[in-house]
Amino acid sequence: MFTDQLTLPTIEETDEPKVSYVWSPRHRRELRVTINRATRCDARCTHAKGFICDCSCGGKNHGSMNL
């Protein structure tokens, strides 16, 4: 059984983007997540339809407005 929560990777104290793959119950597949502190989470992330997230939320808000 999968939870409704997205398990996010740990964010280190570096500004360098970190790429990882996380399981998303919302999308029922893995997302390619790039945690990029320089890019704020905005409509490009919340309205996204693809499976690649490149912002500061780490995939937490990815596609959330498409429900």
N, C-alpha and C. Protein backbone atom coordinates (compact mmCIF):
# COMPACT_ATOMS: atom_id res chain seq x y z
N MET A 1 0.84 -1.17 0.00
CA MET A 1 0.00 0.00 0.00
C MET A 1 0.89 1.24 0.00
N PHE A 2 0.56 2.19 -0.87
CA PHE A 2 1.31 3.43 -0.94
C PHE A 2 0.58 4.51 -0.14
N THR A 3 1.36 5.38 0.45
CA THR A 3 0.76 6.48 1.20
C THR A 3 0.46 7.63 0.24
N ASP A 4 -0.32 8.58 0.69
CA ASP A 4 -0.64 9.75 -0.11
C ASP A 4 0.47 10.79 -0.06
N GLN A 5 1.44 10.58 0.79
CA GLN A 5 2.53 11.53 0.94
C GLN A 5 3.67 11.17 -0.02
N LEU A 6 4.28 12.18 -0.60
CA LEU A 6 5.44 11.99 -1.44
C LEU A 6 6.67 11.98 -0.56
N THR A 7 7.49 10.95 -0.66
CA THR A 7 8.71 10.86 0.14
C THR A 7 9.79 11.65 -0.56
N LEU A 8 10.19 12.75 0.05
CA LEU A 8 11.17 13.63 -0.56
C LEU A 8 12.58 13.27 -0.13
N PRO A 9 13.54 13.45 -1.04
CA PRO A 9 14.93 13.22 -0.64
C PRO A 9 15.38 14.31 0.33
N THR A 10 16.38 13.99 1.11
CA THR A 10 16.89 14.99 2.05
C THR A 10 17.60 16.09 1.29
N ILE A 11 17.42 17.32 1.75
CA ILE A 11 18.03 18.46 1.10
C ILE A 11 19.26 18.86 1.89
N GLU A 12 20.39 18.83 1.23
CA GLU A 12 21.63 19.21 1.88
C GLU A 12 21.79 20.72 1.85
N GLU A 13 22.70 21.23 2.64
CA GLU A 13 22.93 22.67 2.74
C GLU A 13 23.80 23.18 1.61
N THR A 14 23.52 22.80 0.40
CA THR A 14 24.28 23.26 -0.75
C THR A 14 23.32 23.86 -1.76
N ASP A 15 23.79 24.80 -2.54
CA ASP A 15 22.95 25.41 -3.57
C ASP A 15 23.05 24.67 -4.90
N GLU A 16 23.90 23.66 -4.96
CA GLU A 16 24.04 22.88 -6.18
C GLU A 16 22.82 21.98 -6.36
N PRO A 17 22.20 21.97 -7.55
CA PRO A 17 21.03 21.11 -7.78
C PRO A 17 21.34 19.64 -7.55
N LYS A 18 20.40 18.93 -6.96
CA LYS A 18 20.56 17.51 -6.68
C LYS A 18 19.47 16.73 -7.42
N VAL A 19 19.87 15.78 -8.24
CA VAL A 19 18.94 14.98 -9.03
C VAL A 19 18.69 13.65 -8.34
N SER A 20 17.41 13.29 -8.23
CA SER A 20 17.05 11.98 -7.68
C SER A 20 15.72 11.56 -8.27
N TYR A 21 15.32 10.33 -7.99
CA TYR A 21 14.04 9.81 -8.46
C TYR A 21 13.21 9.44 -7.23
N VAL A 22 11.97 9.92 -7.20
CA VAL A 22 11.09 9.64 -6.07
C VAL A 22 9.76 9.10 -6.58
N TRP A 23 9.15 8.19 -5.80
CA TRP A 23 7.86 7.63 -6.16
C TRP A 23 6.76 8.63 -5.84
N SER A 24 5.88 8.87 -6.79
CA SER A 24 4.77 9.80 -6.59
C SER A 24 3.45 9.03 -6.67
N PRO A 25 2.74 8.89 -5.55
CA PRO A 25 1.44 8.22 -5.60
C PRO A 25 0.45 8.96 -6.49
N ARG A 26 0.57 10.27 -6.56
CA ARG A 26 -0.33 11.07 -7.40
C ARG A 26 -0.18 10.71 -8.87
N HIS A 27 1.06 10.48 -9.31
CA HIS A 27 1.32 10.16 -10.71
C HIS A 27 1.43 8.65 -10.97
N ARG A 28 1.50 7.88 -9.89
CA ARG A 28 1.64 6.42 -9.96
C ARG A 28 2.88 5.99 -10.75
N ARG A 29 3.94 6.72 -10.56
CA ARG A 29 5.23 6.40 -11.16
C ARG A 29 6.30 7.26 -10.52
N GLU A 30 7.53 7.06 -10.92
CA GLU A 30 8.62 7.86 -10.37
C GLU A 30 8.73 9.20 -11.10
N LEU A 31 9.08 10.22 -10.34
CA LEU A 31 9.37 11.53 -10.90
C LEU A 31 10.88 11.73 -10.89
N ARG A 32 11.40 12.35 -11.93
CA ARG A 32 12.81 12.77 -11.92
C ARG A 32 12.82 14.14 -11.29
N VAL A 33 13.35 14.23 -10.10
CA VAL A 33 13.32 15.45 -9.31
C VAL A 33 14.70 16.07 -9.23
N THR A 34 14.79 17.35 -9.59
CA THR A 34 16.00 18.12 -9.40
C THR A 34 15.68 19.20 -8.39
N ILE A 35 16.22 19.07 -7.20
CA ILE A 35 15.98 20.09 -6.17
C ILE A 35 16.91 21.24 -6.46
N ASN A 36 16.32 22.33 -6.93
CA ASN A 36 17.08 23.49 -7.35
C ASN A 36 16.61 24.68 -6.53
N ARG A 37 17.38 25.07 -5.53
CA ARG A 37 16.99 26.18 -4.64
C ARG A 37 16.90 27.51 -5.38
N ALA A 38 17.57 27.65 -6.51
CA ALA A 38 17.56 28.91 -7.26
C ALA A 38 16.24 29.10 -8.02
N THR A 39 15.47 28.04 -8.22
CA THR A 39 14.22 28.11 -8.97
C THR A 39 13.06 27.95 -8.01
N ARG A 40 12.22 28.96 -7.90
CA ARG A 40 11.05 28.89 -7.02
C ARG A 40 9.96 28.03 -7.66
N CYS A 41 9.19 27.38 -6.81
CA CYS A 41 8.07 26.58 -7.27
C CYS A 41 6.95 27.54 -7.71
N ASP A 42 6.47 27.38 -8.94
CA ASP A 42 5.42 28.25 -9.44
C ASP A 42 4.47 27.45 -10.33
N ALA A 43 3.72 28.12 -11.18
CA ALA A 43 2.71 27.46 -12.02
C ALA A 43 3.33 26.45 -12.98
N ARG A 44 4.59 26.63 -13.35
CA ARG A 44 5.23 25.63 -14.22
C ARG A 44 5.30 24.28 -13.54
N CYS A 45 5.43 24.28 -12.24
CA CYS A 45 5.49 23.05 -11.46
C CYS A 45 4.08 22.56 -11.09
N THR A 46 3.27 23.42 -10.53
CA THR A 46 1.95 22.99 -10.05
C THR A 46 1.01 22.59 -11.17
N HIS A 47 1.19 23.12 -12.38
CA HIS A 47 0.35 22.77 -13.52
C HIS A 47 1.06 21.80 -14.48
N ALA A 48 2.19 21.26 -14.07
CA ALA A 48 2.97 20.36 -14.93
C ALA A 48 2.22 19.07 -15.23
N LYS A 49 2.42 18.55 -16.43
CA LYS A 49 1.81 17.28 -16.82
C LYS A 49 2.85 16.19 -17.05
N GLY A 50 4.11 16.57 -17.09
CA GLY A 50 5.18 15.61 -17.32
C GLY A 50 5.68 15.00 -16.02
N PHE A 51 6.81 14.31 -16.09
CA PHE A 51 7.34 13.57 -14.96
C PHE A 51 8.73 14.06 -14.54
N ILE A 52 9.03 15.32 -14.86
CA ILE A 52 10.31 15.91 -14.49
C ILE A 52 10.04 17.20 -13.73
N CYS A 53 10.58 17.30 -12.52
CA CYS A 53 10.40 18.49 -11.68
C CYS A 53 11.77 19.11 -11.43
N ASP A 54 11.87 20.40 -11.70
CA ASP A 54 13.14 21.11 -11.53
C ASP A 54 12.89 22.42 -10.80
N CYS A 55 12.63 22.34 -9.50
CA CYS A 55 12.42 23.55 -8.71
C CYS A 55 12.74 23.26 -7.25
N SER A 56 12.40 24.18 -6.38
CA SER A 56 12.79 24.06 -4.97
C SER A 56 11.88 23.15 -4.15
N CYS A 57 10.72 22.75 -4.67
CA CYS A 57 9.80 21.93 -3.87
C CYS A 57 10.20 20.46 -3.84
N GLY A 58 11.06 20.02 -4.73
CA GLY A 58 11.49 18.62 -4.74
C GLY A 58 10.41 17.66 -5.18
N GLY A 59 9.43 18.12 -5.96
CA GLY A 59 8.37 17.26 -6.46
C GLY A 59 7.11 17.27 -5.62
N LYS A 60 7.15 17.93 -4.47
CA LYS A 60 6.00 17.94 -3.57
C LYS A 60 4.76 18.57 -4.21
N ASN A 61 4.93 19.65 -4.97
CA ASN A 61 3.81 20.35 -5.59
C ASN A 61 3.61 20.02 -7.06
N HIS A 62 4.41 19.12 -7.60
CA HIS A 62 4.42 18.83 -9.03
C HIS A 62 3.06 18.30 -9.49
N GLY A 63 2.42 19.04 -10.39
CA GLY A 63 1.14 18.62 -10.96
C GLY A 63 -0.04 18.70 -10.01
N SER A 64 0.11 19.39 -8.89
CA SER A 64 -0.94 19.39 -7.87
C SER A 64 -2.21 20.11 -8.32
N MET A 65 -2.14 20.99 -9.28
CA MET A 65 -3.33 21.72 -9.74
C MET A 65 -4.06 20.97 -10.86
N ASN A 66 -3.57 19.81 -11.25
CA ASN A 66 -4.18 19.03 -12.33
C ASN A 66 -5.09 17.93 -11.84
N LEU A 67 -5.48 17.98 -10.60
CA LEU A 67 -6.30 16.89 -10.04
C LEU A 67 -7.72 16.96 -10.49
